[in-house]
């Protein structure tokens, strides 16, 4: 099964990540996670979303990041994941600078 298929309701996602449903809604409002929408506008989370939420929980609880720090850290992670694995140090620095320059 594809881990990008949205199958988990907000209640299930909250239980599996150890977060309150309101916290999941807050992270969605800030654009940190983008669950799919089912009929009736219900949020549906994929396994990829759950892994991202678990990462967010670690960054908040384990590293003390606030929402602004989360946004920056995740934006850098996302940008680095999008570049070629053979990218050199200059390309990596440029990708990070690109993200940091948007803050």
PDB file of N, CA and C in Angstrom:
ATOM      1  N   UNK A   1       0.835  -1.183   0.000  1.00  0.00           N
ATOM      2  CA  UNK A   1       0.000   0.000   0.000  1.00  0.00           C
ATOM      3  C   UNK A   1       0.881   1.248   0.000  1.00  0.00           C
ATOM      4  N   UNK A   2       0.496   2.238  -0.754  1.00  0.00           N
ATOM      5  CA  UNK A   2       1.229   3.499  -0.855  1.00  0.00           C
ATOM      6  C   UNK A   2       1.081   4.276   0.450  1.00  0.00           C
ATOM      7  N   UNK A   3       2.202   4.715   1.027  1.00  0.00           N
ATOM      8  CA  UNK A   3       2.131   5.425   2.312  1.00  0.00           C
ATOM      9  C   UNK A   3       1.712   6.880   2.174  1.00  0.00           C
ATOM     10  N   UNK A   4       1.389   7.305   0.933  1.00  0.00           N
ATOM     11  CA  UNK A   4       0.862   8.659   0.722  1.00  0.00           C
ATOM     12  C   UNK A   4      -0.664   8.672   0.622  1.00  0.00           C
ATOM     13  N   UNK A   5      -1.282   7.504   0.692  1.00  0.00           N
ATOM     14  CA  UNK A   5      -2.742   7.421   0.597  1.00  0.00           C
ATOM     15  C   UNK A   5      -3.342   7.871   1.930  1.00  0.00           C
ATOM     16  N   UNK A   6      -4.215   8.887   1.904  1.00  0.00           N
ATOM     17  CA  UNK A   6      -4.818   9.379   3.152  1.00  0.00           C
ATOM     18  C   UNK A   6      -5.908   8.428   3.647  1.00  0.00           C
ATOM     19  N   UNK A   7      -5.676   7.833   4.803  1.00  0.00           N
ATOM     20  CA  UNK A   7      -6.630   6.862   5.334  1.00  0.00           C
ATOM     21  C   UNK A   7      -6.989   7.083   6.800  1.00  0.00           C
ATOM     22  N   UNK A   8      -6.201   7.871   7.522  1.00  0.00           N
ATOM     23  CA  UNK A   8      -6.401   8.033   8.965  1.00  0.00           C
ATOM     24  C   UNK A   8      -7.215   9.286   9.272  1.00  0.00           C
ATOM     25  N   UNK A   9      -8.241   9.139  10.069  1.00  0.00           N
ATOM     26  CA  UNK A   9      -9.021  10.293  10.515  1.00  0.00           C
ATOM     27  C   UNK A   9      -8.194  11.103  11.504  1.00  0.00           C
ATOM     28  N   UNK A  10      -8.669  12.289  11.839  1.00  0.00           N
ATOM     29  CA  UNK A  10      -7.934  13.129  12.784  1.00  0.00           C
ATOM     30  C   UNK A  10      -7.841  12.462  14.157  1.00  0.00           C
ATOM     31  N   UNK A  11      -8.885  11.750  14.552  1.00  0.00           N
ATOM     32  CA  UNK A  11      -8.859  11.054  15.850  1.00  0.00           C
ATOM     33  C   UNK A  11      -7.786   9.969  15.859  1.00  0.00           C
ATOM     34  N   UNK A  12      -7.702   9.215  14.773  1.00  0.00           N
ATOM     35  CA  UNK A  12      -6.695   8.164  14.680  1.00  0.00           C
ATOM     36  C   UNK A  12      -5.301   8.780  14.609  1.00  0.00           C
ATOM     37  N   UNK A  13      -5.136   9.826  13.812  1.00  0.00           N
ATOM     38  CA  UNK A  13      -3.838  10.496  13.689  1.00  0.00           C
ATOM     39  C   UNK A  13      -3.393  11.049  15.046  1.00  0.00           C
ATOM     40  N   UNK A  14      -4.321  11.629  15.778  1.00  0.00           N
ATOM     41  CA  UNK A  14      -3.995  12.172  17.095  1.00  0.00           C
ATOM     42  C   UNK A  14      -3.529  11.058  18.032  1.00  0.00           C
ATOM     43  N   UNK A  15      -4.242   9.957  18.019  1.00  0.00           N
ATOM     44  CA  UNK A  15      -3.879   8.838  18.883  1.00  0.00           C
ATOM     45  C   UNK A  15      -2.509   8.265  18.494  1.00  0.00           C
ATOM     46  N   UNK A  16      -2.279   8.079  17.194  1.00  0.00           N
ATOM     47  CA  UNK A  16      -1.030   7.471  16.735  1.00  0.00           C
ATOM     48  C   UNK A  16       0.189   8.372  16.941  1.00  0.00           C
ATOM     49  N   UNK A  17      -0.008   9.676  16.938  1.00  0.00           N
ATOM     50  CA  UNK A  17       1.112  10.605  17.122  1.00  0.00           C
ATOM     51  C   UNK A  17       1.248  11.101  18.555  1.00  0.00           C
ATOM     52  N   UNK A  18       0.256  10.824  19.380  1.00  0.00           N
ATOM     53  CA  UNK A  18       0.296  11.301  20.760  1.00  0.00           C
ATOM     54  C   UNK A  18       0.026  12.786  20.887  1.00  0.00           C
ATOM     55  N   UNK A  19      -0.688  13.345  19.909  1.00  0.00           N
ATOM     56  CA  UNK A  19      -1.010  14.770  19.918  1.00  0.00           C
ATOM     57  C   UNK A  19      -2.517  14.957  20.046  1.00  0.00           C
ATOM     58  N   UNK A  20      -2.910  16.109  20.521  1.00  0.00           N
ATOM     59  CA  UNK A  20      -4.323  16.448  20.613  1.00  0.00           C
ATOM     60  C   UNK A  20      -4.828  16.829  19.218  1.00  0.00           C
ATOM     61  N   UNK A  21      -6.078  16.502  18.871  1.00  0.00           N
ATOM     62  CA  UNK A  21      -6.607  16.894  17.559  1.00  0.00           C
ATOM     63  C   UNK A  21      -6.500  18.405  17.287  1.00  0.00           C
ATOM     64  N   UNK A  22      -6.663  19.210  18.315  1.00  0.00           N
ATOM     65  CA  UNK A  22      -6.552  20.662  18.128  1.00  0.00           C
ATOM     66  C   UNK A  22      -5.128  21.048  17.721  1.00  0.00           C
ATOM     67  N   UNK A  23      -4.151  20.336  18.230  1.00  0.00           N
ATOM     68  CA  UNK A  23      -2.764  20.575  17.853  1.00  0.00           C
ATOM     69  C   UNK A  23      -2.559  20.252  16.382  1.00  0.00           C
ATOM     70  N   UNK A  24      -3.164  19.163  15.918  1.00  0.00           N
ATOM     71  CA  UNK A  24      -3.063  18.806  14.500  1.00  0.00           C
ATOM     72  C   UNK A  24      -3.695  19.894  13.631  1.00  0.00           C
ATOM     73  N   UNK A  25      -4.820  20.423  14.073  1.00  0.00           N
ATOM     74  CA  UNK A  25      -5.464  21.511  13.328  1.00  0.00           C
ATOM     75  C   UNK A  25      -4.573  22.747  13.291  1.00  0.00           C
ATOM     76  N   UNK A  26      -3.913  23.048  14.409  1.00  0.00           N
ATOM     77  CA  UNK A  26      -3.011  24.203  14.475  1.00  0.00           C
ATOM     78  C   UNK A  26      -1.868  24.030  13.478  1.00  0.00           C
ATOM     79  N   UNK A  27      -1.276  22.855  13.440  1.00  0.00           N
ATOM     80  CA  UNK A  27      -0.168  22.624  12.512  1.00  0.00           C
ATOM     81  C   UNK A  27      -0.639  22.707  11.063  1.00  0.00           C
ATOM     82  N   UNK A  28      -1.867  22.325  10.813  1.00  0.00           N
ATOM     83  CA  UNK A  28      -2.416  22.483   9.464  1.00  0.00           C
ATOM     84  C   UNK A  28      -2.588  23.968   9.130  1.00  0.00           C
ATOM     85  N   UNK A  29      -3.119  24.751  10.074  1.00  0.00           N
ATOM     86  CA  UNK A  29      -3.299  26.190   9.846  1.00  0.00           C
ATOM     87  C   UNK A  29      -1.986  26.872   9.495  1.00  0.00           C
ATOM     88  N   UNK A  30      -0.906  26.436  10.128  1.00  0.00           N
ATOM     89  CA  UNK A  30       0.408  27.022   9.871  1.00  0.00           C
ATOM     90  C   UNK A  30       1.095  26.421   8.646  1.00  0.00           C
ATOM     91  N   UNK A  31       0.450  25.469   7.989  1.00  0.00           N
ATOM     92  CA  UNK A  31       1.004  24.894   6.767  1.00  0.00           C
ATOM     93  C   UNK A  31       2.097  23.869   6.988  1.00  0.00           C
ATOM     94  N   UNK A  32       2.198  23.348   8.197  1.00  0.00           N
ATOM     95  CA  UNK A  32       3.238  22.361   8.493  1.00  0.00           C
ATOM     96  C   UNK A  32       2.857  20.959   8.035  1.00  0.00           C
ATOM     97  N   UNK A  33       1.572  20.721   7.918  1.00  0.00           N
ATOM     98  CA  UNK A  33       1.059  19.441   7.421  1.00  0.00           C
ATOM     99  C   UNK A  33      -0.186  19.747   6.604  1.00  0.00           C
ATOM    100  N   UNK A  34      -0.409  18.974   5.556  1.00  0.00           N
ATOM    101  CA  UNK A  34      -1.552  19.228   4.678  1.00  0.00           C
ATOM    102  C   UNK A  34      -2.356  17.948   4.479  1.00  0.00           C
ATOM    103  N   UNK A  35      -3.232  17.635   5.414  1.00  0.00           N
ATOM    104  CA  UNK A  35      -4.038  16.421   5.235  1.00  0.00           C
ATOM    105  C   UNK A  35      -5.006  16.578   4.068  1.00  0.00           C
ATOM    106  N   UNK A  36      -5.374  15.453   3.499  1.00  0.00           N
ATOM    107  CA  UNK A  36      -6.379  15.459   2.431  1.00  0.00           C
ATOM    108  C   UNK A  36      -7.743  15.706   3.064  1.00  0.00           C
ATOM    109  N   UNK A  37      -8.711  15.982   2.232  1.00  0.00           N
ATOM    110  CA  UNK A  37     -10.077  16.197   2.720  1.00  0.00           C
ATOM    111  C   UNK A  37     -11.000  15.171   2.080  1.00  0.00           C
ATOM    112  N   UNK A  38     -11.829  14.564   2.910  1.00  0.00           N
ATOM    113  CA  UNK A  38     -12.838  13.613   2.443  1.00  0.00           C
ATOM    114  C   UNK A  38     -14.157  14.343   2.294  1.00  0.00           C
ATOM    115  N   UNK A  39     -15.144  13.635   1.865  1.00  0.00           N
ATOM    116  CA  UNK A  39     -16.475  14.238   1.779  1.00  0.00           C
ATOM    117  C   UNK A  39     -16.864  14.742   3.165  1.00  0.00           C
ATOM    118  N   UNK A  40     -17.555  15.850   3.189  1.00  0.00           N
ATOM    119  CA  UNK A  40     -17.905  16.455   4.467  1.00  0.00           C
ATOM    120  C   UNK A  40     -16.754  17.244   5.059  1.00  0.00           C
ATOM    121  N   UNK A  41     -15.661  17.407   4.287  1.00  0.00           N
ATOM    122  CA  UNK A  41     -14.497  18.187   4.686  1.00  0.00           C
ATOM    123  C   UNK A  41     -13.701  17.566   5.828  1.00  0.00           C
ATOM    124  N   UNK A  42     -13.874  16.273   6.090  1.00  0.00           N
ATOM    125  CA  UNK A  42     -13.120  15.601   7.145  1.00  0.00           C
ATOM    126  C   UNK A  42     -11.656  15.467   6.730  1.00  0.00           C
ATOM    127  N   UNK A  43     -10.764  15.673   7.679  1.00  0.00           N
ATOM    128  CA  UNK A  43      -9.332  15.532   7.408  1.00  0.00           C
ATOM    129  C   UNK A  43      -8.961  14.059   7.364  1.00  0.00           C
ATOM    130  N   UNK A  44      -8.115  13.708   6.395  1.00  0.00           N
ATOM    131  CA  UNK A  44      -7.577  12.357   6.302  1.00  0.00           C
ATOM    132  C   UNK A  44      -6.061  12.448   6.186  1.00  0.00           C
ATOM    133  N   UNK A  45      -5.365  11.724   7.047  1.00  0.00           N
ATOM    134  CA  UNK A  45      -3.912  11.769   7.108  1.00  0.00           C
ATOM    135  C   UNK A  45      -3.325  10.489   6.526  1.00  0.00           C
ATOM    136  N   UNK A  46      -2.233  10.642   5.798  1.00  0.00           N
ATOM    137  CA  UNK A  46      -1.518   9.489   5.249  1.00  0.00           C
ATOM    138  C   UNK A  46      -0.421   9.080   6.236  1.00  0.00           C
ATOM    139  N   UNK A  47       0.227   7.958   5.946  1.00  0.00           N
ATOM    140  CA  UNK A  47       1.358   7.540   6.769  1.00  0.00           C
ATOM    141  C   UNK A  47       2.502   8.548   6.665  1.00  0.00           C
ATOM    142  N   UNK A  48       2.673   9.170   5.506  1.00  0.00           N
ATOM    143  CA  UNK A  48       3.681  10.222   5.342  1.00  0.00           C
ATOM    144  C   UNK A  48       3.349  11.390   6.275  1.00  0.00           C
ATOM    145  N   UNK A  49       2.083  11.775   6.342  1.00  0.00           N
ATOM    146  CA  UNK A  49       1.657  12.847   7.255  1.00  0.00           C
ATOM    147  C   UNK A  49       1.963  12.469   8.703  1.00  0.00           C
ATOM    148  N   UNK A  50       1.686  11.216   9.061  1.00  0.00           N
ATOM    149  CA  UNK A  50       1.929  10.769  10.438  1.00  0.00           C
ATOM    150  C   UNK A  50       3.411  10.820  10.776  1.00  0.00           C
ATOM    151  N   UNK A  51       4.272  10.431   9.841  1.00  0.00           N
ATOM    152  CA  UNK A  51       5.716  10.518  10.089  1.00  0.00           C
ATOM    153  C   UNK A  51       6.147  11.973  10.263  1.00  0.00           C
ATOM    154  N   UNK A  52       5.578  12.859   9.462  1.00  0.00           N
ATOM    155  CA  UNK A  52       5.902  14.290   9.588  1.00  0.00           C
ATOM    156  C   UNK A  52       5.430  14.812  10.947  1.00  0.00           C
ATOM    157  N   UNK A  53       4.240  14.427  11.366  1.00  0.00           N
ATOM    158  CA  UNK A  53       3.736  14.858  12.672  1.00  0.00           C
ATOM    159  C   UNK A  53       4.596  14.308  13.813  1.00  0.00           C
ATOM    160  N   UNK A  54       5.071  13.093  13.662  1.00  0.00           N
ATOM    161  CA  UNK A  54       5.963  12.515  14.667  1.00  0.00           C
ATOM    162  C   UNK A  54       7.265  13.309  14.721  1.00  0.00           C
ATOM    163  N   UNK A  55       7.756  13.710  13.564  1.00  0.00           N
ATOM    164  CA  UNK A  55       8.964  14.544  13.499  1.00  0.00           C
ATOM    165  C   UNK A  55       8.706  15.893  14.170  1.00  0.00           C
ATOM    166  N   UNK A  56       7.545  16.476  13.903  1.00  0.00           N
ATOM    167  CA  UNK A  56       7.169  17.749  14.528  1.00  0.00           C
ATOM    168  C   UNK A  56       7.138  17.603  16.042  1.00  0.00           C
ATOM    169  N   UNK A  57       6.537  16.527  16.511  1.00  0.00           N
ATOM    170  CA  UNK A  57       6.464  16.309  17.961  1.00  0.00           C
ATOM    171  C   UNK A  57       7.863  16.230  18.571  1.00  0.00           C
ATOM    172  N   UNK A  58       8.763  15.523  17.891  1.00  0.00           N
ATOM    173  CA  UNK A  58      10.145  15.447  18.373  1.00  0.00           C
ATOM    174  C   UNK A  58      10.790  16.829  18.416  1.00  0.00           C
ATOM    175  N   UNK A  59      10.614  17.609  17.362  1.00  0.00           N
ATOM    176  CA  UNK A  59      11.233  18.934  17.308  1.00  0.00           C
ATOM    177  C   UNK A  59      10.697  19.866  18.393  1.00  0.00           C
ATOM    178  N   UNK A  60       9.420  19.733  18.705  1.00  0.00           N
ATOM    179  CA  UNK A  60       8.814  20.565  19.754  1.00  0.00           C
ATOM    180  C   UNK A  60       9.226  20.077  21.134  1.00  0.00           C
ATOM    181  N   UNK A  61       9.014  18.800  21.398  1.00  0.00           N
ATOM    182  CA  UNK A  61       9.253  18.272  22.743  1.00  0.00           C
ATOM    183  C   UNK A  61      10.727  17.984  23.019  1.00  0.00           C
ATOM    184  N   UNK A  62      11.433  17.490  22.022  1.00  0.00           N
ATOM    185  CA  UNK A  62      12.824  17.106  22.225  1.00  0.00           C
ATOM    186  C   UNK A  62      13.811  18.225  22.000  1.00  0.00           C
ATOM    187  N   UNK A  63      13.463  19.165  21.127  1.00  0.00           N
ATOM    188  CA  UNK A  63      14.385  20.236  20.776  1.00  0.00           C
ATOM    189  C   UNK A  63      13.883  21.620  21.128  1.00  0.00           C
ATOM    190  N   UNK A  64      12.639  21.732  21.558  1.00  0.00           N
ATOM    191  CA  UNK A  64      12.120  23.009  22.035  1.00  0.00           C
ATOM    192  C   UNK A  64      11.781  24.025  20.963  1.00  0.00           C
ATOM    193  N   UNK A  65      11.532  23.581  19.738  1.00  0.00           N
ATOM    194  CA  UNK A  65      11.211  24.523  18.667  1.00  0.00           C
ATOM    195  C   UNK A  65       9.789  25.052  18.814  1.00  0.00           C
ATOM    196  N   UNK A  66       9.605  26.312  18.459  1.00  0.00           N
ATOM    197  CA  UNK A  66       8.273  26.893  18.381  1.00  0.00           C
ATOM    198  C   UNK A  66       7.781  26.765  16.941  1.00  0.00           C
ATOM    199  N   UNK A  67       6.623  27.304  16.638  1.00  0.00           N
ATOM    200  CA  UNK A  67       6.043  27.144  15.298  1.00  0.00           C
ATOM    201  C   UNK A  67       6.948  27.755  14.228  1.00  0.00           C
ATOM    202  N   UNK A  68       7.530  28.918  14.497  1.00  0.00           N
ATOM    203  CA  UNK A  68       8.423  29.539  13.516  1.00  0.00           C
ATOM    204  C   UNK A  68       9.649  28.657  13.272  1.00  0.00           C
ATOM    205  N   UNK A  69      10.201  28.101  14.333  1.00  0.00           N
ATOM    206  CA  UNK A  69      11.342  27.197  14.199  1.00  0.00           C
ATOM    207  C   UNK A  69      10.972  25.926  13.454  1.00  0.00           C
ATOM    208  N   UNK A  70       9.770  25.415  13.737  1.00  0.00           N
ATOM    209  CA  UNK A  70       9.277  24.238  13.013  1.00  0.00           C
ATOM    210  C   UNK A  70       9.178  24.524  11.528  1.00  0.00           C
ATOM    211  N   UNK A  71       8.586  25.670  11.196  1.00  0.00           N
ATOM    212  CA  UNK A  71       8.402  26.014   9.790  1.00  0.00           C
ATOM    213  C   UNK A  71       9.747  26.060   9.083  1.00  0.00           C
ATOM    214  N   UNK A  72      10.725  26.709   9.687  1.00  0.00           N
ATOM    215  CA  UNK A  72      12.040  26.840   9.074  1.00  0.00           C
ATOM    216  C   UNK A  72      12.734  25.483   8.950  1.00  0.00           C
ATOM    217  N   UNK A  73      12.740  24.709  10.017  1.00  0.00           N
ATOM    218  CA  UNK A  73      13.408  23.402   9.996  1.00  0.00           C
ATOM    219  C   UNK A  73      12.782  22.478   8.951  1.00  0.00           C
ATOM    220  N   UNK A  74      11.456  22.442   8.910  1.00  0.00           N
ATOM    221  CA  UNK A  74      10.784  21.568   7.953  1.00  0.00           C
ATOM    222  C   UNK A  74      10.933  22.065   6.523  1.00  0.00           C
ATOM    223  N   UNK A  75      10.941  23.381   6.334  1.00  0.00           N
ATOM    224  CA  UNK A  75      11.141  23.932   4.992  1.00  0.00           C
ATOM    225  C   UNK A  75      12.534  23.582   4.480  1.00  0.00           C
ATOM    226  N   UNK A  76      13.533  23.647   5.347  1.00  0.00           N
ATOM    227  CA  UNK A  76      14.893  23.271   4.944  1.00  0.00           C
ATOM    228  C   UNK A  76      14.950  21.778   4.636  1.00  0.00           C
ATOM    229  N   UNK A  77      14.351  20.949   5.501  1.00  0.00           N
ATOM    230  CA  UNK A  77      14.317  19.504   5.241  1.00  0.00           C
ATOM    231  C   UNK A  77      13.654  19.196   3.905  1.00  0.00           C
ATOM    232  N   UNK A  78      12.520  19.828   3.655  1.00  0.00           N
ATOM    233  CA  UNK A  78      11.792  19.596   2.406  1.00  0.00           C
ATOM    234  C   UNK A  78      12.621  20.018   1.203  1.00  0.00           C
ATOM    235  N   UNK A  79      13.280  21.168   1.309  1.00  0.00           N
ATOM    236  CA  UNK A  79      14.082  21.658   0.184  1.00  0.00           C
ATOM    237  C   UNK A  79      15.271  20.749  -0.077  1.00  0.00           C
ATOM    238  N   UNK A  80      15.943  20.309   0.988  1.00  0.00           N
ATOM    239  CA  UNK A  80      17.081  19.416   0.818  1.00  0.00           C
ATOM    240  C   UNK A  80      16.654  18.067   0.253  1.00  0.00           C
ATOM    241  N   UNK A  81      15.477  17.604   0.620  1.00  0.00           N
ATOM    242  CA  UNK A  81      14.973  16.339   0.081  1.00  0.00           C
ATOM    243  C   UNK A  81      14.675  16.446  -1.409  1.00  0.00           C
ATOM    244  N   UNK A  82      14.457  17.664  -1.890  1.00  0.00           N
ATOM    245  CA  UNK A  82      14.091  17.841  -3.291  1.00  0.00           C
ATOM    246  C   UNK A  82      15.302  17.982  -4.218  1.00  0.00           C
ATOM    247  N   UNK A  83      16.501  18.131  -3.648  1.00  0.00           N
ATOM    248  CA  UNK A  83      17.665  18.273  -4.524  1.00  0.00           C
ATOM    249  C   UNK A  83      18.299  16.912  -4.770  1.00  0.00           C
ATOM    250  N   UNK A  84      19.085  16.856  -5.808  1.00  0.00           N
ATOM    251  CA  UNK A  84      19.747  15.621  -6.224  1.00  0.00           C
ATOM    252  C   UNK A  84      20.671  15.120  -5.118  1.00  0.00           C
ATOM    253  N   UNK A  85      20.697  13.808  -4.913  1.00  0.00           N
ATOM    254  CA  UNK A  85      21.537  13.211  -3.875  1.00  0.00           C
ATOM    255  C   UNK A  85      23.021  13.449  -4.130  1.00  0.00           C
ATOM    256  N   UNK A  86      23.390  13.724  -5.368  1.00  0.00           N
ATOM    257  CA  UNK A  86      24.802  13.959  -5.684  1.00  0.00           C
ATOM    258  C   UNK A  86      25.169  15.438  -5.584  1.00  0.00           C
ATOM    259  N   UNK A  87      24.290  16.245  -5.035  1.00  0.00           N
ATOM    260  CA  UNK A  87      24.549  17.684  -4.922  1.00  0.00           C
ATOM    261  C   UNK A  87      25.775  17.926  -4.056  1.00  0.00           C
ATOM    262  N   UNK A  88      26.544  18.888  -4.471  1.00  0.00           N
ATOM    263  CA  UNK A  88      27.744  19.250  -3.726  1.00  0.00           C
ATOM    264  C   UNK A  88      27.435  20.255  -2.637  1.00  0.00           C
ATOM    265  N   UNK A  89      28.448  20.588  -1.849  1.00  0.00           N
ATOM    266  CA  UNK A  89      28.258  21.528  -0.737  1.00  0.00           C
ATOM    267  C   UNK A  89      27.705  22.880  -1.167  1.00  0.00           C
ATOM    268  N   UNK A  90      28.143  23.379  -2.317  1.00  0.00           N
ATOM    269  CA  UNK A  90      27.654  24.683  -2.787  1.00  0.00           C
ATOM    270  C   UNK A  90      26.164  24.632  -3.111  1.00  0.00           C
ATOM    271  N   UNK A  91      25.733  23.551  -3.741  1.00  0.00           N
ATOM    272  CA  UNK A  91      24.309  23.408  -4.058  1.00  0.00           C
ATOM    273  C   UNK A  91      23.474  23.285  -2.784  1.00  0.00           C
ATOM    274  N   UNK A  92      24.002  22.587  -1.805  1.00  0.00           N
ATOM    275  CA  UNK A  92      23.294  22.424  -0.529  1.00  0.00           C
ATOM    276  C   UNK A  92      23.189  23.771   0.180  1.00  0.00           C
ATOM    277  N   UNK A  93      24.294  24.510   0.220  1.00  0.00           N
ATOM    278  CA  UNK A  93      24.266  25.845   0.846  1.00  0.00           C
ATOM    279  C   UNK A  93      23.293  26.772   0.126  1.00  0.00           C
ATOM    280  N   UNK A  94      23.269  26.695  -1.193  1.00  0.00           N
ATOM    281  CA  UNK A  94      22.358  27.540  -1.976  1.00  0.00           C
ATOM    282  C   UNK A  94      20.901  27.180  -1.684  1.00  0.00           C
ATOM    283  N   UNK A  95      20.610  25.883  -1.541  1.00  0.00           N
ATOM    284  CA  UNK A  95      19.239  25.443  -1.239  1.00  0.00           C
ATOM    285  C   UNK A  95      18.795  25.953   0.124  1.00  0.00           C
ATOM    286  N   UNK A  96      19.700  25.881   1.095  1.00  0.00           N
ATOM    287  CA  UNK A  96      19.374  26.374   2.445  1.00  0.00           C
ATOM    288  C   UNK A  96      19.191  27.890   2.414  1.00  0.00           C
ATOM    289  N   UNK A  97      20.075  28.578   1.722  1.00  0.00           N
ATOM    290  CA  UNK A  97      19.975  30.039   1.622  1.00  0.00           C
ATOM    291  C   UNK A  97      18.679  30.451   0.949  1.00  0.00           C
ATOM    292  N   UNK A  98      18.237  29.656  -0.012  1.00  0.00           N
ATOM    293  CA  UNK A  98      16.970  29.922  -0.697  1.00  0.00           C
ATOM    294  C   UNK A  98      15.800  29.903   0.287  1.00  0.00           C
ATOM    295  N   UNK A  99      15.805  28.911   1.170  1.00  0.00           N
ATOM    296  CA  UNK A  99      14.732  28.800   2.165  1.00  0.00           C
ATOM    297  C   UNK A  99      14.842  29.910   3.199  1.00  0.00           C
ATOM    298  N   UNK A 100      16.026  30.123   3.718  1.00  0.00           N
ATOM    299  CA  UNK A 100      16.236  31.120   4.760  1.00  0.00           C
ATOM    300  C   UNK A 100      15.913  32.514   4.225  1.00  0.00           C
ATOM    301  N   UNK A 101      16.162  32.739   2.961  1.00  0.00           N
ATOM    302  CA  UNK A 101      15.873  34.032   2.360  1.00  0.00           C
ATOM    303  C   UNK A 101      14.403  34.326   2.241  1.00  0.00           C
ATOM    304  N   UNK A 102      13.551  33.320   2.375  1.00  0.00           N
ATOM    305  CA  UNK A 102      12.102  33.531   2.284  1.00  0.00           C
ATOM    306  C   UNK A 102      11.480  33.855   3.626  1.00  0.00           C
ATOM    307  N   UNK A 103      12.261  33.792   4.678  1.00  0.00           N
ATOM    308  CA  UNK A 103      11.725  34.023   6.038  1.00  0.00           C
ATOM    309  C   UNK A 103      11.543  35.491   6.285  1.00  0.00           C
TER     310      UNK A 103
END
